[in-house]
Amino acid sequence: MTESSELVELAVASLDDLKARDVTILDVSRLTSITDYMVIASGTSGRHVKSIADRLVERAKAAGYSPVGVEGAEGAEWVLVDLQDIVVHVMQPKIREFYNLEKLWNMGGDAPGSSAGAGA
């Protein structure tokens, strides 16, 4: 198992802990050199989004991974957690619908997405 896939598993487990909704994993390794995977999830409110992101950061640090950065925690409409090999986006549903990152990163059909099954 690669470090990237271990991080994806850690992220999905962390998102599942706090009942993140509609978790999607995108393999973008063939589309960008910035990261291997993007994980996208929804929270039900600003507080929920922030809590999900905070839990992810805690679990990543406990597992020995240092987040490169966390953006958007103040407003908590969209929090991005950069774990280098994976980037996790936790968004409120309206923001997620508006930006539609899944469609953006699947435009060429080169980045197969998959649902992780967390939340519903």
C-alpha atoms as a PDB file:
ATOM      1  CA  MET A   1       0.000   0.000   0.000  1.00  0.00           C
ATOM      2  CA  THR A   2       1.370   3.418  -0.928  1.00  0.00           C
ATOM      3  CA  GLU A   3       1.583   6.342   1.443  1.00  0.00           C
ATOM      4  CA  SER A   4      -1.065   8.133  -0.634  1.00  0.00           C
ATOM      5  CA  SER A   5      -3.559   5.293  -0.265  1.00  0.00           C
ATOM      6  CA  GLU A   6      -2.831   5.079   3.474  1.00  0.00           C
ATOM      7  CA  LEU A   7      -3.606   8.787   3.746  1.00  0.00           C
ATOM      8  CA  VAL A   8      -6.828   8.333   1.775  1.00  0.00           C
ATOM      9  CA  GLU A   9      -7.902   5.569   4.172  1.00  0.00           C
ATOM     10  CA  LEU A  10      -7.024   7.723   7.174  1.00  0.00           C
ATOM     11  CA  ALA A  11      -8.948  10.676   5.717  1.00  0.00           C
ATOM     12  CA  VAL A  12     -12.042   8.636   4.890  1.00  0.00           C
ATOM     13  CA  ALA A  13     -12.059   7.053   8.367  1.00  0.00           C
ATOM     14  CA  SER A  14     -11.716  10.497   9.940  1.00  0.00           C
ATOM     15  CA  LEU A  15     -14.532  11.919   7.795  1.00  0.00           C
ATOM     16  CA  ASP A  16     -16.702   8.939   8.679  1.00  0.00           C
ATOM     17  CA  ASP A  17     -16.042   9.511  12.419  1.00  0.00           C
ATOM     18  CA  LEU A  18     -17.948  12.776  12.308  1.00  0.00           C
ATOM     19  CA  LYS A  19     -20.553  11.687   9.773  1.00  0.00           C
ATOM     20  CA  ALA A  20     -19.335  13.640   6.759  1.00  0.00           C
ATOM     21  CA  ARG A  21     -21.711  13.244   3.846  1.00  0.00           C
ATOM     22  CA  ASP A  22     -21.224  12.284   0.206  1.00  0.00           C
ATOM     23  CA  VAL A  23     -17.524  11.452   0.466  1.00  0.00           C
ATOM     24  CA  THR A  24     -15.902  11.241  -2.972  1.00  0.00           C
ATOM     25  CA  ILE A  25     -12.343  10.231  -3.805  1.00  0.00           C
ATOM     26  CA  LEU A  26     -10.754  11.466  -7.026  1.00  0.00           C
ATOM     27  CA  ASP A  27      -7.475  10.071  -8.342  1.00  0.00           C
ATOM     28  CA  VAL A  28      -5.913  13.153  -9.952  1.00  0.00           C
ATOM     29  CA  SER A  29      -2.360  11.810 -10.171  1.00  0.00           C
ATOM     30  CA  ARG A  30      -2.455  11.791 -13.993  1.00  0.00           C
ATOM     31  CA  LEU A  31      -3.843  15.326 -14.158  1.00  0.00           C
ATOM     32  CA  THR A  32      -1.563  17.230 -11.785  1.00  0.00           C
ATOM     33  CA  SER A  33       1.756  16.907 -10.016  1.00  0.00           C
ATOM     34  CA  ILE A  34       0.439  18.830  -7.008  1.00  0.00           C
ATOM     35  CA  THR A  35      -1.310  15.877  -5.352  1.00  0.00           C
ATOM     36  CA  ASP A  36      -2.318  12.282  -6.009  1.00  0.00           C
ATOM     37  CA  TYR A  37      -5.862  12.316  -4.632  1.00  0.00           C
ATOM     38  CA  MET A  38      -8.590  14.762  -3.795  1.00  0.00           C
ATOM     39  CA  VAL A  39     -11.164  13.794  -1.222  1.00  0.00           C
ATOM     40  CA  ILE A  40     -14.358  15.840  -1.197  1.00  0.00           C
ATOM     41  CA  ALA A  41     -16.988  15.702   1.544  1.00  0.00           C
ATOM     42  CA  SER A  42     -19.919  17.710   2.839  1.00  0.00           C
ATOM     43  CA  GLY A  43     -20.821  18.872   6.310  1.00  0.00           C
ATOM     44  CA  THR A  44     -24.264  20.020   7.357  1.00  0.00           C
ATOM     45  CA  SER A  45     -23.243  23.405   8.804  1.00  0.00           C
ATOM     46  CA  GLY A  46     -20.222  25.623   9.355  1.00  0.00           C
ATOM     47  CA  ARG A  47     -19.653  24.084  12.769  1.00  0.00           C
ATOM     48  CA  HIS A  48     -19.885  20.572  11.300  1.00  0.00           C
ATOM     49  CA  VAL A  49     -17.466  21.409   8.459  1.00  0.00           C
ATOM     50  CA  LYS A  50     -14.945  22.864  10.914  1.00  0.00           C
ATOM     51  CA  SER A  51     -15.265  19.903  13.280  1.00  0.00           C
ATOM     52  CA  ILE A  52     -14.710  17.432  10.441  1.00  0.00           C
ATOM     53  CA  ALA A  53     -11.586  19.291   9.273  1.00  0.00           C
ATOM     54  CA  ASP A  54     -10.250  19.620  12.829  1.00  0.00           C
ATOM     55  CA  ARG A  55     -10.693  15.882  13.420  1.00  0.00           C
ATOM     56  CA  LEU A  56      -8.874  15.110  10.176  1.00  0.00           C
ATOM     57  CA  VAL A  57      -5.920  17.286  11.196  1.00  0.00           C
ATOM     58  CA  GLU A  58      -5.803  15.650  14.655  1.00  0.00           C
ATOM     59  CA  ARG A  59      -5.850  12.132  13.212  1.00  0.00           C
ATOM     60  CA  ALA A  60      -3.253  12.963  10.555  1.00  0.00           C
ATOM     61  CA  LYS A  61      -0.878  14.389  13.167  1.00  0.00           C
ATOM     62  CA  ALA A  62      -1.443  11.383  15.459  1.00  0.00           C
ATOM     63  CA  ALA A  63      -0.512   9.094  12.550  1.00  0.00           C
ATOM     64  CA  GLY A  64       2.692  11.051  11.896  1.00  0.00           C
ATOM     65  CA  TYR A  65       1.555  13.183   8.946  1.00  0.00           C
ATOM     66  CA  SER A  66       1.955  16.944   9.140  1.00  0.00           C
ATOM     67  CA  PRO A  67      -0.622  18.948   7.209  1.00  0.00           C
ATOM     68  CA  VAL A  68       1.033  21.384   4.805  1.00  0.00           C
ATOM     69  CA  GLY A  69      -1.808  23.811   5.387  1.00  0.00           C
ATOM     70  CA  VAL A  70      -5.419  24.329   6.375  1.00  0.00           C
ATOM     71  CA  GLU A  71      -7.433  27.037   4.642  1.00  0.00           C
ATOM     72  CA  GLY A  72     -10.936  28.356   5.247  1.00  0.00           C
ATOM     73  CA  ALA A  73     -11.464  27.246   8.848  1.00  0.00           C
ATOM     74  CA  GLU A  74     -12.527  30.773   9.869  1.00  0.00           C
ATOM     75  CA  GLY A  75     -15.662  30.897   7.723  1.00  0.00           C
ATOM     76  CA  ALA A  76     -16.061  27.110   7.545  1.00  0.00           C
ATOM     77  CA  GLU A  77     -18.051  27.133   4.323  1.00  0.00           C
ATOM     78  CA  TRP A  78     -15.168  25.327   2.614  1.00  0.00           C
ATOM     79  CA  VAL A  79     -12.167  24.017   4.522  1.00  0.00           C
ATOM     80  CA  LEU A  80      -9.215  22.657   2.578  1.00  0.00           C
ATOM     81  CA  VAL A  81      -6.761  20.366   4.376  1.00  0.00           C
ATOM     82  CA  ASP A  82      -3.538  19.876   2.400  1.00  0.00           C
ATOM     83  CA  LEU A  83      -1.801  16.637   3.335  1.00  0.00           C
ATOM     84  CA  GLN A  84       0.507  16.912   0.288  1.00  0.00           C
ATOM     85  CA  ASP A  85      -0.224  13.495  -1.256  1.00  0.00           C
ATOM     86  CA  ILE A  86      -3.937  14.121  -0.775  1.00  0.00           C
ATOM     87  CA  VAL A  87      -5.991  17.279  -0.515  1.00  0.00           C
ATOM     88  CA  VAL A  88      -9.254  17.112   1.407  1.00  0.00           C
ATOM     89  CA  HIS A  89     -12.091  19.551   0.731  1.00  0.00           C
ATOM     90  CA  VAL A  90     -14.853  19.725   3.348  1.00  0.00           C
ATOM     91  CA  MET A  91     -17.711  21.931   2.193  1.00  0.00           C
ATOM     92  CA  GLN A  92     -21.201  23.014   3.044  1.00  0.00           C
ATOM     93  CA  PRO A  93     -23.621  21.557   0.458  1.00  0.00           C
ATOM     94  CA  LYS A  94     -24.440  24.839  -1.337  1.00  0.00           C
ATOM     95  CA  ILE A  95     -20.748  25.678  -1.756  1.00  0.00           C
ATOM     96  CA  ARG A  96     -20.005  22.166  -2.984  1.00  0.00           C
ATOM     97  CA  GLU A  97     -22.841  22.329  -5.492  1.00  0.00           C
ATOM     98  CA  PHE A  98     -21.716  25.748  -6.746  1.00  0.00           C
ATOM     99  CA  TYR A  99     -18.041  24.832  -7.302  1.00  0.00           C
ATOM    100  CA  ASN A 100     -18.730  21.229  -8.364  1.00  0.00           C
ATOM    101  CA  LEU A 101     -15.120  20.073  -8.004  1.00  0.00           C
ATOM    102  CA  GLU A 102     -16.030  16.536  -9.020  1.00  0.00           C
ATOM    103  CA  LYS A 103     -17.084  17.719 -12.466  1.00  0.00           C
ATOM    104  CA  LEU A 104     -14.146  20.102 -12.763  1.00  0.00           C
ATOM    105  CA  TRP A 105     -11.569  17.379 -12.071  1.00  0.00           C
ATOM    106  CA  ASN A 106     -13.373  14.745 -14.159  1.00  0.00           C
ATOM    107  CA  MET A 107     -13.702  16.951 -17.259  1.00  0.00           C
ATOM    108  CA  GLY A 108     -11.399  14.816 -19.357  1.00  0.00           C
ATOM    109  CA  GLY A 109     -12.595  11.556 -17.895  1.00  0.00           C
ATOM    110  CA  ASP A 110      -9.010  10.886 -16.786  1.00  0.00           C
ATOM    111  CA  ALA A 111      -9.667  10.997 -13.054  1.00  0.00           C
ATOM    112  CA  PRO A 112     -12.041   8.243 -12.062  1.00  0.00           C
ATOM    113  CA  GLY A 113     -14.008   9.204  -8.996  1.00  0.00           C
ATOM    114  CA  SER A 114     -15.460   6.876  -6.439  1.00  0.00           C
ATOM    115  CA  SER A 115     -17.755   7.274  -3.522  1.00  0.00           C
ATOM    116  CA  ALA A 116     -16.335   6.103  -0.238  1.00  0.00           C
ATOM    117  CA  GLY A 117     -19.712   5.283   1.208  1.00  0.00           C
ATOM    118  CA  ALA A 118     -19.480   7.540   4.244  1.00  0.00           C
ATOM    119  CA  GLY A 119     -22.632   9.366   5.159  1.00  0.00           C
ATOM    120  CA  ALA A 120     -25.640   9.535   2.907  1.00  0.00           C
END
